[in-house]
Amino acid sequence: MTDEQTILVVDDEHDIADLYTTWLETDHDVRTAYGGEEALEKVDSDVDIVFLDRQMPAYSGDEVLERIREQDLDCRVVMVTAVDPDFDILEMGFDDYLTKPVMHEDLSDAVETMYERDGYDETLQQYFALTSKKATLEAEKTPSELENSEEYQRMVERVEELEAEADMAVTSFDDDDFDSLFQDFPDG
């Protein structure tokens, strides 16, 4: 990785935002925003990765994410939140989901993974974003909740379609992404 990575940390809790910034700024150019409105002012085409808190006053992380995607910015977005994920995450355009508390290693690993995925084509990026959502929901929901969710079932079908499309590109995966495809996620 290079120093050219630009990361935007967004959290309305100043202490958390400052801590994440301190952890990341030794290796990256880091911008810090203490709310959604400030995040929208600071995000631009130079930003590679956004760590975005989901629960914030005024502009929620969901709204900020939607606005980032509307601007068609080519950045990876990692939701970092204490909100337990629900099926609504299936419609959200994030690349990964970290549940607080988040440690230094979690952020560093996410940066590395997002940086590597940035080089993947659109199909692989979509595939990994969906497998992240799938794993997140499988860790939080019971098997019966998953089975009864039409949205989840549609997402599983889409993952399978993308997997078939991506099979030819498996040789380009890094070890972490390759391992994440085949790890067993706990039920419920």
Protein backbone atom coordinates (compact mmCIF):
# COMPACT_ATOMS: atom_id res chain seq x y z
CA MET A 1 0.00 0.00 0.00
CA THR A 2 1.06 3.55 -0.58
CA ASP A 3 0.70 6.87 1.20
CA GLU A 4 -1.59 7.93 -1.63
CA GLN A 5 -4.61 6.28 0.04
CA THR A 6 -7.07 8.97 1.10
CA ILE A 7 -9.51 7.93 3.79
CA LEU A 8 -12.51 9.82 5.14
CA VAL A 9 -13.54 8.93 8.71
CA VAL A 10 -17.10 9.96 9.54
CA ASP A 11 -18.50 9.66 13.06
CA ASP A 12 -20.50 12.14 15.15
CA GLU A 13 -18.74 10.88 18.28
CA HIS A 14 -15.60 13.04 18.19
CA ASP A 15 -13.54 10.68 20.37
CA ILE A 16 -14.21 7.72 18.08
CA ALA A 17 -13.57 9.70 14.90
CA ASP A 18 -10.32 11.07 16.37
CA LEU A 19 -9.21 7.61 17.50
CA TYR A 20 -9.81 6.09 14.05
CA THR A 21 -8.01 9.04 12.47
CA THR A 22 -5.01 8.59 14.79
CA TRP A 23 -4.85 4.89 13.97
CA LEU A 24 -4.97 5.46 10.22
CA GLU A 25 -3.03 8.68 9.68
CA THR A 26 0.41 7.13 10.14
CA ASP A 27 0.01 5.29 6.82
CA HIS A 28 -2.66 7.28 4.98
CA ASP A 29 -3.97 10.74 4.19
CA VAL A 30 -6.98 10.96 6.51
CA ARG A 31 -9.82 13.46 6.55
CA THR A 32 -12.17 13.55 9.53
CA ALA A 33 -15.83 14.57 9.56
CA TYR A 34 -17.92 14.79 12.73
CA GLY A 35 -21.28 14.43 11.00
CA GLY A 36 -23.05 13.73 7.76
CA GLU A 37 -23.14 17.28 6.42
CA GLU A 38 -19.40 17.74 7.02
CA ALA A 39 -18.77 14.34 5.38
CA LEU A 40 -20.56 15.46 2.22
CA GLU A 41 -18.39 18.58 2.16
CA LYS A 42 -15.17 16.57 2.52
CA VAL A 43 -15.85 13.63 0.21
CA ASP A 44 -14.61 14.07 -3.34
CA SER A 45 -12.96 12.13 -6.14
CA ASP A 46 -9.67 11.98 -4.17
CA VAL A 47 -11.23 9.86 -1.39
CA ASP A 48 -10.53 6.14 -1.78
CA ILE A 49 -12.26 4.75 1.33
CA VAL A 50 -14.97 6.12 3.63
CA PHE A 51 -15.47 4.72 7.13
CA LEU A 52 -19.04 5.82 7.79
CA ASP A 53 -20.97 5.73 11.07
CA ARG A 54 -24.56 4.74 10.46
CA GLN A 55 -26.31 6.54 13.36
CA MET A 56 -25.79 10.28 13.25
CA PRO A 57 -28.11 13.23 13.80
CA ALA A 58 -29.18 15.43 10.87
CA TYR A 59 -27.76 13.24 8.08
CA SER A 60 -27.66 9.55 8.95
CA GLY A 61 -24.94 7.33 7.56
CA ASP A 62 -27.58 5.76 5.30
CA GLU A 63 -28.35 9.20 3.80
CA VAL A 64 -24.67 10.08 3.43
CA LEU A 65 -24.04 6.75 1.69
CA GLU A 66 -26.91 7.40 -0.71
CA ARG A 67 -25.57 10.88 -1.53
CA ILE A 68 -22.05 9.52 -2.09
CA ARG A 69 -23.41 6.95 -4.53
CA GLU A 70 -25.56 9.59 -6.28
CA GLN A 71 -22.37 11.61 -6.87
CA ASP A 72 -20.95 8.52 -8.61
CA LEU A 73 -17.72 8.76 -6.61
CA ASP A 74 -15.43 5.80 -7.11
CA CYS A 75 -14.71 5.03 -3.46
CA ARG A 76 -15.24 2.07 -1.21
CA VAL A 77 -17.59 2.64 1.75
CA VAL A 78 -17.35 0.69 4.99
CA MET A 79 -20.23 1.16 7.42
CA VAL A 80 -18.88 1.28 10.98
CA THR A 81 -21.74 1.14 13.41
CA ALA A 82 -23.29 -0.10 16.61
CA VAL A 83 -26.57 -0.70 14.73
CA ASP A 84 -27.34 -4.40 14.51
CA PRO A 85 -27.78 -5.13 10.82
CA ASP A 86 -31.22 -5.95 9.51
CA PHE A 87 -32.49 -6.89 6.07
CA ASP A 88 -32.51 -3.20 5.09
CA ILE A 89 -28.74 -3.47 4.49
CA LEU A 90 -29.45 -5.47 1.35
CA GLU A 91 -30.50 -2.30 -0.46
CA MET A 92 -27.56 -0.22 0.77
CA GLY A 93 -24.57 0.45 -1.48
CA PHE A 94 -21.74 -0.15 0.98
CA ASP A 95 -18.75 -2.45 0.46
CA ASP A 96 -18.34 -3.80 3.99
CA TYR A 97 -19.99 -3.59 7.42
CA LEU A 98 -18.08 -3.40 10.71
CA THR A 99 -19.95 -3.56 14.00
CA LYS A 100 -18.61 -1.49 16.90
CA PRO A 101 -16.50 -1.79 18.90
CA VAL A 102 -13.92 -1.68 16.11
CA MET A 103 -10.26 -2.20 16.91
CA HIS A 104 -7.17 -0.88 15.14
CA GLU A 105 -6.58 -4.20 13.39
CA ASP A 106 -10.19 -4.23 12.10
CA LEU A 107 -9.69 -0.84 10.45
CA SER A 108 -6.30 -1.76 9.03
CA ASP A 109 -7.64 -5.01 7.62
CA ALA A 110 -10.61 -3.21 6.09
CA VAL A 111 -8.33 -0.62 4.45
CA GLU A 112 -6.16 -3.33 2.96
CA THR A 113 -9.16 -5.33 1.73
CA MET A 114 -10.88 -2.27 0.21
CA TYR A 115 -7.63 -1.16 -1.43
CA GLU A 116 -7.15 -4.58 -3.02
CA ARG A 117 -10.77 -4.85 -4.12
CA ASP A 118 -10.53 -1.47 -5.79
CA GLY A 119 -8.50 -3.14 -8.52
CA TYR A 120 -11.22 -5.72 -9.20
CA ASP A 121 -13.75 -5.33 -11.98
CA GLU A 122 -17.33 -4.29 -11.24
CA THR A 123 -18.61 -7.89 -11.08
CA LEU A 124 -16.10 -8.89 -8.41
CA GLN A 125 -16.68 -5.70 -6.42
CA GLN A 126 -20.42 -6.34 -6.42
CA TYR A 127 -19.83 -9.99 -5.54
CA PHE A 128 -17.68 -9.16 -2.51
CA ALA A 129 -20.07 -6.43 -1.32
CA LEU A 130 -22.95 -8.93 -1.45
CA THR A 131 -20.99 -11.72 0.25
CA SER A 132 -20.14 -9.24 3.01
CA LYS A 133 -23.86 -8.48 3.47
CA LYS A 134 -24.67 -12.19 3.36
CA ALA A 135 -22.07 -12.99 6.05
CA THR A 136 -23.23 -10.07 8.19
CA LEU A 137 -26.85 -11.19 8.09
CA GLU A 138 -25.97 -14.85 8.64
CA ALA A 139 -24.07 -13.86 11.78
CA GLU A 140 -27.05 -11.85 13.12
CA LYS A 141 -30.19 -13.66 11.96
CA THR A 142 -31.59 -17.10 12.71
CA PRO A 143 -31.82 -19.64 9.88
CA SER A 144 -35.63 -19.32 9.90
CA GLU A 145 -35.43 -15.51 9.63
CA LEU A 146 -33.10 -15.89 6.65
CA GLU A 147 -35.31 -18.53 5.06
CA ASN A 148 -38.41 -16.33 5.44
CA SER A 149 -36.83 -13.21 3.95
CA GLU A 150 -37.57 -12.79 0.25
CA GLU A 151 -34.92 -10.04 0.02
CA TYR A 152 -32.29 -12.35 1.49
CA GLN A 153 -33.27 -15.19 -0.86
CA ARG A 154 -33.01 -12.84 -3.89
CA MET A 155 -29.59 -11.70 -2.68
CA VAL A 156 -28.42 -15.32 -2.34
CA GLU A 157 -29.54 -15.95 -5.93
CA ARG A 158 -27.65 -12.86 -7.10
CA VAL A 159 -24.52 -14.00 -5.22
CA GLU A 160 -24.74 -17.34 -7.01
CA GLU A 161 -25.10 -15.58 -10.40
CA LEU A 162 -22.12 -13.34 -9.68
CA GLU A 163 -20.12 -16.31 -8.42
CA ALA A 164 -20.65 -18.06 -11.74
CA GLU A 165 -19.53 -14.91 -13.58
CA ALA A 166 -16.54 -14.48 -11.27
CA ASP A 167 -15.31 -18.08 -11.37
CA MET A 168 -12.91 -17.28 -14.17
CA ALA A 169 -11.29 -14.52 -12.13
CA VAL A 170 -10.67 -16.53 -8.93
CA THR A 171 -6.98 -16.76 -9.68
CA SER A 172 -6.66 -12.99 -9.20
CA PHE A 173 -8.02 -13.04 -5.61
CA ASP A 174 -5.73 -12.22 -2.75
CA ASP A 175 -5.50 -14.78 0.06
CA ASP A 176 -7.85 -12.87 2.42
CA ASP A 177 -10.62 -12.53 -0.16
CA PHE A 178 -10.19 -16.11 -1.29
CA ASP A 179 -10.36 -17.35 2.30
CA SER A 180 -13.43 -15.22 3.04
CA LEU A 181 -15.33 -16.95 0.24
CA PHE A 182 -14.97 -20.35 1.84
CA GLN A 183 -15.08 -19.64 5.55
CA ASP A 184 -18.01 -21.00 7.49
CA PHE A 185 -20.19 -18.33 9.03
CA PRO A 186 -22.06 -19.16 12.24
CA ASP A 187 -25.81 -19.67 11.99
CA GLY A 188 -28.02 -17.25 13.91
